[in-house]
Amino acid sequence: MSIASGYLPILIMIVLGIVLAGALSCIGLFLGPKLRGEVKETPFESGFLRNGMAGHRYDVKFYMTALVFLIFDVEVVFLYPWAVQVRELGWFGFVAASVFLGILVLGLAYDWKKGALNWE
């Protein structure tokens, strides 16, 4: 078995994904509804209809929500490899993960105190 034949299933999946994505996009363009109107042409960003100046400021809550999401996203990304190797790492790995989780809990407590988790 050659190296190239080992990558053949991956190549087939990539080509199949590209072809399928292109075919479904074209089907949507041709068969989908083509409703045009004033409401459809109005710019819409982050749950608000745009009116006024082009560079208006967003509320800080959008950014705080994104930061809270990043905290928990990074937590999951770093804890998964630790959970897989927890027995081999021993106490050193447990202490390192505990320090990491402690820092994240401090960040969560800070966000909670600042009201980032309250949505009005």
Protein backbone atom coordinates (compact mmCIF):
# COMPACT_ATOMS: atom_id res chain seq x y z
CA MET A 1 0.00 0.00 0.00
CA SER A 2 1.54 3.31 -1.05
CA ILE A 3 1.33 6.60 0.80
CA ALA A 4 -0.83 8.14 -1.92
CA SER A 5 -3.48 5.42 -1.58
CA GLY A 6 -3.71 6.15 2.16
CA TYR A 7 -4.72 9.73 1.42
CA LEU A 8 -7.19 8.80 -1.32
CA PRO A 9 -10.27 8.62 0.99
CA ILE A 10 -9.44 12.06 2.38
CA LEU A 11 -9.07 13.49 -1.12
CA ILE A 12 -12.39 11.92 -2.14
CA MET A 13 -14.13 13.48 0.90
CA ILE A 14 -12.68 16.92 0.17
CA VAL A 15 -13.71 16.78 -3.49
CA LEU A 16 -17.15 15.45 -2.56
CA GLY A 17 -17.61 18.25 0.00
CA ILE A 18 -16.65 20.94 -2.50
CA VAL A 19 -18.90 19.52 -5.21
CA LEU A 20 -21.83 19.09 -2.82
CA ALA A 21 -21.45 22.62 -1.39
CA GLY A 22 -21.28 24.10 -4.90
CA ALA A 23 -24.25 22.08 -6.13
CA LEU A 24 -26.46 23.00 -3.17
CA SER A 25 -25.52 26.67 -3.47
CA CYS A 26 -26.41 26.69 -7.16
CA ILE A 27 -29.71 24.89 -6.51
CA GLY A 28 -30.54 27.53 -3.88
CA LEU A 29 -29.75 30.34 -6.29
CA PHE A 30 -31.94 28.93 -9.06
CA LEU A 31 -34.85 27.51 -7.05
CA GLY A 32 -34.91 29.87 -4.06
CA PRO A 33 -37.32 32.78 -3.70
CA LYS A 34 -36.28 36.02 -5.30
CA LEU A 35 -38.20 38.52 -3.22
CA ARG A 36 -36.85 42.03 -3.51
CA GLY A 37 -38.14 45.04 -1.70
CA GLU A 38 -37.31 47.94 0.53
CA VAL A 39 -37.26 45.84 3.69
CA LYS A 40 -34.99 43.18 2.14
CA GLU A 41 -32.52 45.82 0.94
CA THR A 42 -32.23 47.51 4.36
CA PRO A 43 -28.90 46.83 6.12
CA PHE A 44 -29.35 44.81 9.33
CA GLU A 45 -26.58 44.40 11.89
CA SER A 46 -26.53 42.74 15.30
CA GLY A 47 -30.26 42.87 15.84
CA PHE A 48 -30.63 46.55 15.05
CA LEU A 49 -31.84 48.30 11.92
CA ARG A 50 -29.17 50.72 10.78
CA ASN A 51 -30.16 54.32 10.73
CA GLY A 52 -28.04 57.39 11.09
CA MET A 53 -24.28 57.51 10.78
CA ALA A 54 -22.31 54.60 9.42
CA GLY A 55 -19.84 54.11 12.28
CA HIS A 56 -22.04 54.05 15.36
CA ARG A 57 -20.81 52.45 18.56
CA TYR A 58 -22.10 49.15 19.84
CA ASP A 59 -23.08 48.51 23.41
CA VAL A 60 -20.34 47.07 25.60
CA LYS A 61 -22.56 44.05 26.39
CA PHE A 62 -21.86 42.62 22.94
CA TYR A 63 -18.13 42.62 23.64
CA MET A 64 -18.55 41.30 27.18
CA THR A 65 -20.66 38.42 25.89
CA ALA A 66 -17.96 37.62 23.34
CA LEU A 67 -15.27 37.65 26.04
CA VAL A 68 -17.27 35.35 28.31
CA PHE A 69 -17.74 32.98 25.39
CA LEU A 70 -14.00 33.03 24.68
CA ILE A 71 -13.19 32.23 28.31
CA PHE A 72 -15.30 29.09 28.25
CA ASP A 73 -14.22 28.17 24.73
CA VAL A 74 -10.54 28.32 25.68
CA GLU A 75 -11.31 26.35 28.82
CA VAL A 76 -12.80 23.48 26.84
CA VAL A 77 -9.97 23.49 24.29
CA PHE A 78 -7.31 23.21 26.98
CA LEU A 79 -9.13 20.82 29.30
CA TYR A 80 -9.91 18.16 26.69
CA PRO A 81 -6.27 17.04 26.19
CA TRP A 82 -5.79 17.16 29.96
CA ALA A 83 -8.82 14.90 30.50
CA VAL A 84 -7.46 12.41 27.98
CA GLN A 85 -4.05 12.23 29.70
CA VAL A 86 -5.15 12.70 33.33
CA ARG A 87 -3.83 9.34 34.56
CA GLU A 88 -0.40 9.76 32.97
CA LEU A 89 0.02 13.32 34.29
CA GLY A 90 -0.57 12.41 37.92
CA TRP A 91 -0.64 15.03 40.65
CA PHE A 92 1.37 17.56 38.66
CA GLY A 93 -1.30 17.57 35.95
CA PHE A 94 -4.05 17.84 38.56
CA VAL A 95 -2.42 20.86 40.21
CA ALA A 96 -1.75 22.53 36.84
CA ALA A 97 -5.37 22.05 35.75
CA SER A 98 -6.60 23.30 39.13
CA VAL A 99 -4.56 26.50 38.78
CA PHE A 100 -5.88 26.95 35.23
CA LEU A 101 -9.48 26.43 36.36
CA GLY A 102 -8.93 28.76 39.30
CA ILE A 103 -7.83 31.56 36.98
CA LEU A 104 -10.88 30.98 34.80
CA VAL A 105 -13.19 30.97 37.83
CA LEU A 106 -11.66 34.31 38.87
CA GLY A 107 -12.43 35.66 35.40
CA LEU A 108 -15.99 34.37 35.64
CA ALA A 109 -16.41 35.95 39.09
CA TYR A 110 -15.12 39.26 37.71
CA ASP A 111 -17.57 39.11 34.79
CA TRP A 112 -20.41 38.23 37.16
CA LYS A 113 -19.51 41.13 39.45
CA LYS A 114 -19.40 43.57 36.52
CA GLY A 115 -22.82 42.38 35.32
CA ALA A 116 -21.65 40.86 32.05
CA LEU A 117 -23.94 37.87 32.54
CA ASN A 118 -27.07 40.00 33.05
CA TRP A 119 -28.91 40.65 29.81
CA GLU A 120 -31.67 43.24 29.78
